[in-house]
Amino acid sequence: MATRAEIQAKLAAIDQRKADALKSLQTKRAKLKAQLAQLDRPSKSQRRLDARRKILLGAFVLEQLEHAGSSPQALTFEGKRFFDWLVRPNDRAVFEVTPDASAPATTPAGPRIAPIDTPLNVPFADKDRAKALGAHWHPDQKHWVVPAGLDLAPFQAWLK
């Protein structure tokens, strides 16, 4: 007949095997959950495509607003104002929007940065100066532009 110590040792071994099996199953479960989350996440190419769509749509809307003589601050869609949709101060700053909608618009203290390629009306005599300041010539459209991200102040005389 087995002694008390032997029976306790067998029970302890069973408990240890159960603990090890449980730990192994928990590890497998965590790996499977991670794989499932990876499958739900868009691929790198899908994220790039989504970003490109947003860029192109934004460029189109900005161009249409420019041609219509309107501003992004006045843009509305289905009753919702674009201005109200911008909640972060740094997002509003991109469109030179003041944080308080009821306050009158003021000229920003810092440089005015071109959010998109901004067309210029540069006479032929000034082309070298415009190029030196960073303007680019678009031969297909036959006009100069300030590339997005540059300060517009040096080009003020040529802005359309």
N, C-alpha and C. Protein backbone atom coordinates (compact mmCIF):
# COMPACT_ATOMS: atom_id res chain seq x y z
N MET A 1 0.82 -1.17 0.00
CA MET A 1 0.00 0.00 0.00
C MET A 1 0.88 1.25 0.00
N ALA A 2 0.39 2.32 -0.70
CA ALA A 2 1.15 3.55 -0.85
C ALA A 2 1.09 4.36 0.44
N THR A 3 2.18 5.02 0.69
CA THR A 3 2.23 5.86 1.89
C THR A 3 1.64 7.23 1.60
N ARG A 4 1.38 7.93 2.66
CA ARG A 4 0.81 9.27 2.54
C ARG A 4 1.73 10.17 1.70
N ALA A 5 3.00 10.11 1.90
CA ALA A 5 3.97 10.94 1.18
C ALA A 5 3.95 10.62 -0.31
N GLU A 6 3.84 9.32 -0.65
CA GLU A 6 3.81 8.93 -2.07
C GLU A 6 2.56 9.49 -2.75
N ILE A 7 1.42 9.39 -2.08
CA ILE A 7 0.17 9.88 -2.65
C ILE A 7 0.25 11.41 -2.83
N GLN A 8 0.79 12.10 -1.85
CA GLN A 8 0.94 13.55 -1.95
C GLN A 8 1.88 13.92 -3.09
N ALA A 9 2.94 13.13 -3.27
CA ALA A 9 3.88 13.39 -4.36
C ALA A 9 3.19 13.20 -5.71
N LYS A 10 2.37 12.15 -5.83
CA LYS A 10 1.63 11.92 -7.09
C LYS A 10 0.65 13.06 -7.36
N LEU A 11 -0.06 13.52 -6.32
CA LEU A 11 -0.99 14.64 -6.48
C LEU A 11 -0.24 15.91 -6.88
N ALA A 12 0.91 16.14 -6.28
CA ALA A 12 1.71 17.31 -6.62
C ALA A 12 2.17 17.23 -8.07
N ALA A 13 2.55 16.04 -8.55
CA ALA A 13 2.98 15.85 -9.94
C ALA A 13 1.82 16.13 -10.89
N ILE A 14 0.63 15.63 -10.53
CA ILE A 14 -0.57 15.89 -11.35
C ILE A 14 -0.85 17.40 -11.40
N ASP A 15 -0.79 18.05 -10.26
CA ASP A 15 -1.02 19.51 -10.21
C ASP A 15 0.00 20.26 -11.06
N GLN A 16 1.25 19.81 -11.03
CA GLN A 16 2.31 20.46 -11.80
C GLN A 16 2.06 20.30 -13.29
N ARG A 17 1.65 19.07 -13.71
CA ARG A 17 1.35 18.83 -15.13
C ARG A 17 0.18 19.69 -15.58
N LYS A 18 -0.84 19.82 -14.73
CA LYS A 18 -1.99 20.66 -15.05
C LYS A 18 -1.57 22.12 -15.18
N ALA A 19 -0.72 22.59 -14.29
CA ALA A 19 -0.25 23.97 -14.34
C ALA A 19 0.56 24.22 -15.62
N ASP A 20 1.43 23.24 -15.95
CA ASP A 20 2.23 23.38 -17.17
C ASP A 20 1.34 23.37 -18.41
N ALA A 21 0.35 22.48 -18.44
CA ALA A 21 -0.57 22.41 -19.58
C ALA A 21 -1.37 23.70 -19.70
N LEU A 22 -1.82 24.22 -18.56
CA LEU A 22 -2.57 25.48 -18.58
C LEU A 22 -1.71 26.62 -19.11
N LYS A 23 -0.47 26.68 -18.66
CA LYS A 23 0.45 27.72 -19.12
C LYS A 23 0.69 27.60 -20.63
N SER A 24 0.86 26.38 -21.11
CA SER A 24 1.06 26.13 -22.53
C SER A 24 -0.17 26.56 -23.33
N LEU A 25 -1.35 26.23 -22.84
CA LEU A 25 -2.59 26.62 -23.53
C LEU A 25 -2.78 28.14 -23.53
N GLN A 26 -2.42 28.78 -22.42
CA GLN A 26 -2.53 30.24 -22.37
C GLN A 26 -1.58 30.90 -23.37
N THR A 27 -0.38 30.36 -23.52
CA THR A 27 0.58 30.88 -24.49
C THR A 27 0.05 30.71 -25.92
N LYS A 28 -0.50 29.50 -26.21
CA LYS A 28 -1.07 29.26 -27.53
C LYS A 28 -2.24 30.21 -27.80
N ARG A 29 -3.07 30.43 -26.79
CA ARG A 29 -4.22 31.32 -26.94
C ARG A 29 -3.77 32.74 -27.25
N ALA A 30 -2.75 33.22 -26.55
CA ALA A 30 -2.23 34.57 -26.78
C ALA A 30 -1.68 34.70 -28.20
N LYS A 31 -0.96 33.66 -28.68
CA LYS A 31 -0.42 33.70 -30.05
C LYS A 31 -1.54 33.73 -31.09
N LEU A 32 -2.59 32.92 -30.86
CA LEU A 32 -3.72 32.90 -31.79
C LEU A 32 -4.46 34.24 -31.81
N LYS A 33 -4.61 34.86 -30.64
CA LYS A 33 -5.26 36.17 -30.58
C LYS A 33 -4.43 37.21 -31.33
N ALA A 34 -3.10 37.13 -31.21
CA ALA A 34 -2.22 38.06 -31.92
C ALA A 34 -2.35 37.85 -33.44
N GLN A 35 -2.42 36.60 -33.88
CA GLN A 35 -2.59 36.31 -35.30
C GLN A 35 -3.93 36.84 -35.81
N LEU A 36 -4.96 36.69 -35.02
CA LEU A 36 -6.29 37.18 -35.38
C LEU A 36 -6.27 38.71 -35.50
N ALA A 37 -5.63 39.37 -34.56
CA ALA A 37 -5.53 40.83 -34.61
C ALA A 37 -4.75 41.27 -35.85
N GLN A 38 -3.71 40.52 -36.21
CA GLN A 38 -2.90 40.83 -37.40
C GLN A 38 -3.74 40.70 -38.67
N LEU A 39 -4.63 39.71 -38.70
CA LEU A 39 -5.49 39.53 -39.87
C LEU A 39 -6.49 40.67 -40.01
N ASP A 40 -6.96 41.23 -38.89
CA ASP A 40 -7.92 42.32 -38.92
C ASP A 40 -7.28 43.65 -39.29
N ARG A 41 -5.97 43.76 -39.10
CA ARG A 41 -5.26 45.01 -39.37
C ARG A 41 -5.02 45.15 -40.87
N PRO A 42 -5.22 46.37 -41.42
CA PRO A 42 -4.95 46.55 -42.86
C PRO A 42 -3.46 46.38 -43.15
N SER A 43 -3.17 45.91 -44.34
CA SER A 43 -1.77 45.71 -44.73
C SER A 43 -1.11 47.06 -44.97
N LYS A 44 0.20 47.03 -45.08
CA LYS A 44 0.97 48.26 -45.32
C LYS A 44 0.54 48.90 -46.63
N SER A 45 0.34 48.09 -47.65
CA SER A 45 -0.08 48.65 -48.95
C SER A 45 -1.49 49.23 -48.86
N GLN A 46 -2.38 48.62 -48.07
CA GLN A 46 -3.73 49.16 -47.90
C GLN A 46 -3.68 50.50 -47.16
N ARG A 47 -2.81 50.60 -46.15
CA ARG A 47 -2.68 51.86 -45.42
C ARG A 47 -2.11 52.95 -46.32
N ARG A 48 -1.12 52.60 -47.15
CA ARG A 48 -0.56 53.57 -48.10
C ARG A 48 -1.61 54.04 -49.08
N LEU A 49 -2.40 53.11 -49.59
CA LEU A 49 -3.45 53.45 -50.55
C LEU A 49 -4.48 54.37 -49.90
N ASP A 50 -4.84 54.09 -48.66
CA ASP A 50 -5.80 54.93 -47.95
C ASP A 50 -5.24 56.34 -47.76
N ALA A 51 -3.98 56.44 -47.38
CA ALA A 51 -3.35 57.76 -47.21
C ALA A 51 -3.31 58.50 -48.54
N ARG A 52 -2.97 57.81 -49.62
CA ARG A 52 -2.91 58.44 -50.94
C ARG A 52 -4.29 58.94 -51.37
N ARG A 53 -5.34 58.15 -51.10
CA ARG A 53 -6.71 58.59 -51.42
C ARG A 53 -7.03 59.89 -50.71
N LYS A 54 -6.69 59.95 -49.42
CA LYS A 54 -6.98 61.14 -48.63
C LYS A 54 -6.21 62.35 -49.17
N ILE A 55 -4.97 62.15 -49.53
CA ILE A 55 -4.16 63.24 -50.08
C ILE A 55 -4.76 63.74 -51.38
N LEU A 56 -5.10 62.82 -52.27
CA LEU A 56 -5.66 63.22 -53.57
C LEU A 56 -7.00 63.91 -53.41
N LEU A 57 -7.86 63.38 -52.55
CA LEU A 57 -9.16 64.00 -52.33
C LEU A 57 -8.99 65.40 -51.73
N GLY A 58 -8.09 65.52 -50.76
CA GLY A 58 -7.84 66.83 -50.16
C GLY A 58 -7.30 67.82 -51.17
N ALA A 59 -6.38 67.38 -52.03
CA ALA A 59 -5.82 68.26 -53.06
C ALA A 59 -6.91 68.72 -54.02
N PHE A 60 -7.79 67.80 -54.39
CA PHE A 60 -8.89 68.14 -55.30
C PHE A 60 -9.81 69.17 -54.66
N VAL A 61 -10.19 68.94 -53.42
CA VAL A 61 -11.10 69.86 -52.73
C VAL A 61 -10.45 71.23 -52.59
N LEU A 62 -9.17 71.27 -52.20
CA LEU A 62 -8.49 72.56 -52.07
C LEU A 62 -8.42 73.29 -53.40
N GLU A 63 -8.14 72.56 -54.47
CA GLU A 63 -8.08 73.18 -55.80
C GLU A 63 -9.44 73.74 -56.20
N GLN A 64 -10.50 72.99 -55.94
CA GLN A 64 -11.84 73.47 -56.28
C GLN A 64 -12.22 74.69 -55.45
N LEU A 65 -11.84 74.70 -54.18
CA LEU A 65 -12.10 75.86 -53.34
C LEU A 65 -11.35 77.08 -53.87
N GLU A 66 -10.10 76.86 -54.28
CA GLU A 66 -9.29 77.95 -54.82
C GLU A 66 -9.91 78.50 -56.09
N HIS A 67 -10.35 77.63 -56.99
CA HIS A 67 -10.98 78.08 -58.23
C HIS A 67 -12.30 78.81 -57.96
N ALA A 68 -13.00 78.42 -56.93
CA ALA A 68 -14.28 79.05 -56.59
C ALA A 68 -14.08 80.32 -55.77
N GLY A 69 -12.83 80.58 -55.36
CA GLY A 69 -12.56 81.76 -54.56
C GLY A 69 -13.03 81.61 -53.12
N SER A 70 -13.17 80.38 -52.66
CA SER A 70 -13.62 80.12 -51.30
C SER A 70 -12.44 79.66 -50.45
N SER A 71 -12.68 79.47 -49.17
CA SER A 71 -11.61 79.02 -48.26
C SER A 71 -12.04 77.75 -47.57
N PRO A 72 -11.08 76.97 -47.06
CA PRO A 72 -11.43 75.76 -46.32
C PRO A 72 -12.29 76.05 -45.08
N GLN A 73 -12.14 77.24 -44.50
CA GLN A 73 -12.93 77.60 -43.33
C GLN A 73 -14.41 77.64 -43.65
N ALA A 74 -14.77 77.97 -44.91
CA ALA A 74 -16.17 78.09 -45.30
C ALA A 74 -16.75 76.78 -45.83
N LEU A 75 -15.94 75.75 -45.95
CA LEU A 75 -16.38 74.48 -46.53
C LEU A 75 -17.41 73.79 -45.63
N THR A 76 -18.52 73.35 -46.23
CA THR A 76 -19.52 72.56 -45.52
C THR A 76 -19.88 71.35 -46.37
N PHE A 77 -20.30 70.28 -45.70
CA PHE A 77 -20.74 69.08 -46.39
C PHE A 77 -21.85 68.47 -45.56
N GLU A 78 -23.01 68.31 -46.17
CA GLU A 78 -24.19 67.77 -45.50
C GLU A 78 -24.45 68.48 -44.17
N GLY A 79 -24.33 69.80 -44.19
CA GLY A 79 -24.64 70.59 -43.01
C GLY A 79 -23.54 70.68 -41.98
N LYS A 80 -22.43 69.97 -42.16
CA LYS A 80 -21.34 70.01 -41.19
C LYS A 80 -20.21 70.86 -41.76
N ARG A 81 -19.75 71.81 -40.93
CA ARG A 81 -18.66 72.69 -41.36
C ARG A 81 -17.32 72.01 -41.14
N PHE A 82 -16.44 72.16 -42.11
CA PHE A 82 -15.08 71.63 -42.01
C PHE A 82 -14.38 72.24 -40.80
N PHE A 83 -14.59 73.52 -40.57
CA PHE A 83 -13.99 74.22 -39.44
C PHE A 83 -14.35 73.55 -38.12
N ASP A 84 -15.62 73.15 -37.97
CA ASP A 84 -16.06 72.51 -36.74
C ASP A 84 -15.47 71.12 -36.58
N TRP A 85 -15.15 70.48 -37.70
CA TRP A 85 -14.58 69.14 -37.68
C TRP A 85 -13.14 69.16 -37.18
N LEU A 86 -12.43 70.29 -37.41
CA LEU A 86 -11.05 70.42 -36.94
C LEU A 86 -11.06 70.79 -35.46
N VAL A 87 -10.67 69.87 -34.61
CA VAL A 87 -10.72 70.12 -33.17
C VAL A 87 -9.34 70.36 -32.57
N ARG A 88 -8.30 69.85 -33.20
CA ARG A 88 -6.95 70.03 -32.66
C ARG A 88 -6.36 71.36 -33.14
N PRO A 89 -5.76 72.14 -32.24
CA PRO A 89 -5.20 73.44 -32.64
C PRO A 89 -4.18 73.35 -33.78
N ASN A 90 -3.35 72.32 -33.77
CA ASN A 90 -2.35 72.22 -34.84
C ASN A 90 -2.99 71.89 -36.19
N ASP A 91 -4.15 71.22 -36.20
CA ASP A 91 -4.87 70.98 -37.44
C ASP A 91 -5.47 72.29 -37.97
N ARG A 92 -6.01 73.07 -37.06
CA ARG A 92 -6.58 74.36 -37.47
C ARG A 92 -5.49 75.29 -37.98
N ALA A 93 -4.31 75.22 -37.39
CA ALA A 93 -3.20 76.08 -37.81
C ALA A 93 -2.80 75.81 -39.26
N VAL A 94 -2.95 74.57 -39.71
CA VAL A 94 -2.63 74.24 -41.10
C VAL A 94 -3.47 75.06 -42.06
N PHE A 95 -4.69 75.34 -41.66
CA PHE A 95 -5.61 76.11 -42.51
C PHE A 95 -5.73 77.55 -42.02
N GLU A 96 -4.82 77.97 -41.14
CA GLU A 96 -4.79 79.32 -40.60
C GLU A 96 -6.13 79.69 -39.99
N VAL A 97 -6.70 78.77 -39.22
CA VAL A 97 -7.97 78.97 -38.55
C VAL A 97 -7.70 79.26 -37.08
N THR A 98 -8.32 80.29 -36.54
CA THR A 98 -8.15 80.59 -35.12
C THR A 98 -8.93 79.58 -34.30
N PRO A 99 -8.48 79.22 -33.09
CA PRO A 99 -9.17 78.23 -32.28
C PRO A 99 -10.59 78.63 -31.89
N ASP A 100 -10.87 79.94 -31.73
CA ASP A 100 -12.19 80.39 -31.32
C ASP A 100 -12.98 80.79 -32.57
N ALA A 101 -14.05 80.06 -32.88
CA ALA A 101 -14.81 80.32 -34.10
C ALA A 101 -15.49 81.68 -34.07
N SER A 102 -15.82 82.20 -32.88
CA SER A 102 -16.52 83.47 -32.79
C SER A 102 -15.56 84.66 -32.90
N ALA A 103 -14.27 84.41 -32.72
CA ALA A 103 -13.30 85.48 -32.80
C ALA A 103 -13.01 85.80 -34.26
N PRO A 104 -12.73 87.05 -34.58
CA PRO A 104 -12.40 87.40 -35.96
C PRO A 104 -11.07 86.79 -36.36
N ALA A 105 -10.95 86.44 -37.62
CA ALA A 105 -9.71 85.85 -38.12
C ALA A 105 -8.61 86.88 -38.07
N THR A 106 -7.44 86.45 -37.61
CA THR A 106 -6.29 87.34 -37.56
C THR A 106 -5.17 86.74 -38.37
N THR A 107 -4.25 87.58 -38.78
CA THR A 107 -3.11 87.10 -39.54
C THR A 107 -2.17 86.38 -38.58
N PRO A 108 -1.73 85.18 -38.94
CA PRO A 108 -0.84 84.44 -38.04
C PRO A 108 0.49 85.17 -37.87
N ALA A 109 1.05 85.03 -36.67
CA ALA A 109 2.30 85.71 -36.38
C ALA A 109 3.47 85.06 -37.11
N GLY A 110 3.42 83.76 -37.31
CA GLY A 110 4.51 83.04 -37.95
C GLY A 110 4.41 83.08 -39.46
N PRO A 111 5.26 82.32 -40.14
CA PRO A 111 5.23 82.30 -41.59
C PRO A 111 3.95 81.65 -42.12
N ARG A 112 3.53 82.08 -43.29
CA ARG A 112 2.37 81.50 -43.94
C ARG A 112 2.90 80.41 -44.86
N ILE A 113 2.62 79.16 -44.53
CA ILE A 113 3.16 78.01 -45.24
C ILE A 113 2.16 77.57 -46.31
N ALA A 114 2.67 77.26 -47.50
CA ALA A 114 1.83 76.78 -48.60
C ALA A 114 1.36 75.37 -48.28
N PRO A 115 0.02 75.14 -48.13
CA PRO A 115 -0.46 73.80 -47.83
C PRO A 115 -0.41 72.88 -49.05
N ILE A 116 -0.46 73.45 -50.25
CA ILE A 116 -0.37 72.71 -51.50
C ILE A 116 0.51 73.50 -52.45
N ASP A 117 0.84 72.95 -53.62
CA ASP A 117 1.55 73.72 -54.62
C ASP A 117 0.71 74.93 -54.98
N THR A 118 1.26 76.12 -54.75
CA THR A 118 0.52 77.36 -54.94
C THR A 118 0.98 78.04 -56.22
N PRO A 119 0.06 78.30 -57.16
CA PRO A 119 0.45 78.91 -58.43
C PRO A 119 0.94 80.35 -58.26
N LEU A 120 1.89 80.72 -59.10
CA LEU A 120 2.47 82.06 -59.08
C LEU A 120 2.34 82.69 -60.47
N ASN A 121 2.30 84.01 -60.50
CA ASN A 121 2.29 84.76 -61.74
C ASN A 121 3.65 85.45 -61.86
N VAL A 122 4.65 84.71 -62.35
CA VAL A 122 6.03 85.20 -62.39
C VAL A 122 6.35 85.67 -63.80
N PRO A 123 6.68 86.96 -63.99
CA PRO A 123 7.11 87.43 -65.31
C PRO A 123 8.44 86.76 -65.70
N PHE A 124 8.68 86.66 -66.98
CA PHE A 124 9.89 86.01 -67.47
C PHE A 124 11.14 86.65 -66.87
N ALA A 125 11.13 87.96 -66.70
CA ALA A 125 12.29 88.67 -66.17
C ALA A 125 12.61 88.25 -64.73
N ASP A 126 11.62 87.75 -63.99
CA ASP A 126 11.83 87.38 -62.58
C ASP A 126 12.03 85.88 -62.37
N LYS A 127 12.08 85.11 -63.45
CA LYS A 127 12.12 83.64 -63.31
C LYS A 127 13.32 83.15 -62.51
N ASP A 128 14.49 83.75 -62.71
CA ASP A 128 15.68 83.29 -61.99
C ASP A 128 15.57 83.59 -60.49
N ARG A 129 14.99 84.73 -60.16
CA ARG A 129 14.81 85.07 -58.74
C ARG A 129 13.81 84.12 -58.09
N ALA A 130 12.71 83.82 -58.79
CA ALA A 130 11.71 82.90 -58.26
C ALA A 130 12.31 81.51 -58.06
N LYS A 131 13.12 81.07 -59.02
CA LYS A 131 13.75 79.76 -58.92
C LYS A 131 14.71 79.73 -57.73
N ALA A 132 15.46 80.81 -57.55
CA ALA A 132 16.42 80.87 -56.43
C ALA A 132 15.70 80.81 -55.08
N LEU A 133 14.48 81.33 -55.03
CA LEU A 133 13.70 81.30 -53.79
C LEU A 133 13.07 79.94 -53.53
N GLY A 134 13.08 79.07 -54.56
CA GLY A 134 12.54 77.71 -54.37
C GLY A 134 11.31 77.40 -55.19
N ALA A 135 10.85 78.34 -56.03
CA ALA A 135 9.69 78.07 -56.87
C ALA A 135 10.04 77.03 -57.93
N HIS A 136 9.04 76.30 -58.37
CA HIS A 136 9.22 75.27 -59.40
C HIS A 136 8.42 75.65 -60.63
N TRP A 137 8.99 75.38 -61.80
CA TRP A 137 8.30 75.61 -63.08
C TRP A 137 7.59 74.33 -63.48
N HIS A 138 6.30 74.43 -63.82
CA HIS A 138 5.53 73.30 -64.33
C HIS A 138 5.37 73.49 -65.82
N PRO A 139 6.21 72.82 -66.62
CA PRO A 139 6.16 73.04 -68.08
C PRO A 139 4.83 72.61 -68.71
N ASP A 140 4.20 71.56 -68.17
CA ASP A 140 2.94 71.11 -68.76
C ASP A 140 1.82 72.12 -68.53
N GLN A 141 1.85 72.81 -67.39
CA GLN A 141 0.82 73.82 -67.08
C GLN A 141 1.30 75.23 -67.41
N LYS A 142 2.59 75.36 -67.72
CA LYS A 142 3.22 76.62 -68.09
C LYS A 142 3.04 77.71 -67.03
N HIS A 143 3.33 77.34 -65.80
CA HIS A 143 3.33 78.35 -64.72
C HIS A 143 4.24 77.90 -63.59
N TRP A 144 4.61 78.87 -62.75
CA TRP A 144 5.45 78.62 -61.60
C TRP A 144 4.57 78.33 -60.40
N VAL A 145 5.09 77.52 -59.46
CA VAL A 145 4.37 77.23 -58.22
C VAL A 145 5.34 77.30 -57.04
N VAL A 146 4.77 77.63 -55.87
CA VAL A 146 5.49 77.50 -54.61
C VAL A 146 5.18 76.09 -54.13
N PRO A 147 6.19 75.22 -53.97
CA PRO A 147 5.91 73.86 -53.50
C PRO A 147 5.28 73.87 -52.11
N ALA A 148 4.44 72.89 -51.86
CA ALA A 148 3.80 72.75 -50.55
C ALA A 148 4.87 72.68 -49.47
N GLY A 149 4.64 73.38 -48.38
CA GLY A 149 5.57 73.35 -47.25
C GLY A 149 6.50 74.55 -47.19
N LEU A 150 6.54 75.38 -48.25
CA LEU A 150 7.42 76.56 -48.23
C LEU A 150 6.65 77.78 -47.74
N ASP A 151 7.40 78.72 -47.17
CA ASP A 151 6.83 79.99 -46.72
C ASP A 151 6.43 80.80 -47.96
N LEU A 152 5.23 81.37 -47.93
CA LEU A 152 4.73 82.13 -49.07
C LEU A 152 5.22 83.58 -49.09
N ALA A 153 5.75 84.07 -47.98
CA ALA A 153 6.13 85.49 -47.87
C ALA A 153 7.11 85.93 -48.97
N PRO A 154 8.16 85.20 -49.29
CA PRO A 154 9.08 85.67 -50.33
C PRO A 154 8.42 85.75 -51.72
N PHE A 155 7.30 85.09 -51.91
CA PHE A 155 6.65 85.03 -53.22
C PHE A 155 5.43 85.96 -53.30
N GLN A 156 5.23 86.80 -52.29
CA GLN A 156 4.03 87.62 -52.18
C GLN A 156 3.76 88.43 -53.44
N ALA A 157 4.77 88.97 -54.07
CA ALA A 157 4.60 89.81 -55.26
C ALA A 157 4.02 89.03 -56.44
N TRP A 158 4.19 87.70 -56.45
CA TRP A 158 3.78 86.91 -57.60
C TRP A 158 2.54 86.04 -57.33
N LEU A 159 2.01 86.09 -56.12
CA LEU A 159 0.85 85.27 -55.83
C LEU A 159 -0.33 85.71 -56.69
N LYS A 160 -1.02 84.72 -57.27
CA LYS A 160 -2.17 85.01 -58.15
C LYS A 160 -3.36 85.44 -57.35
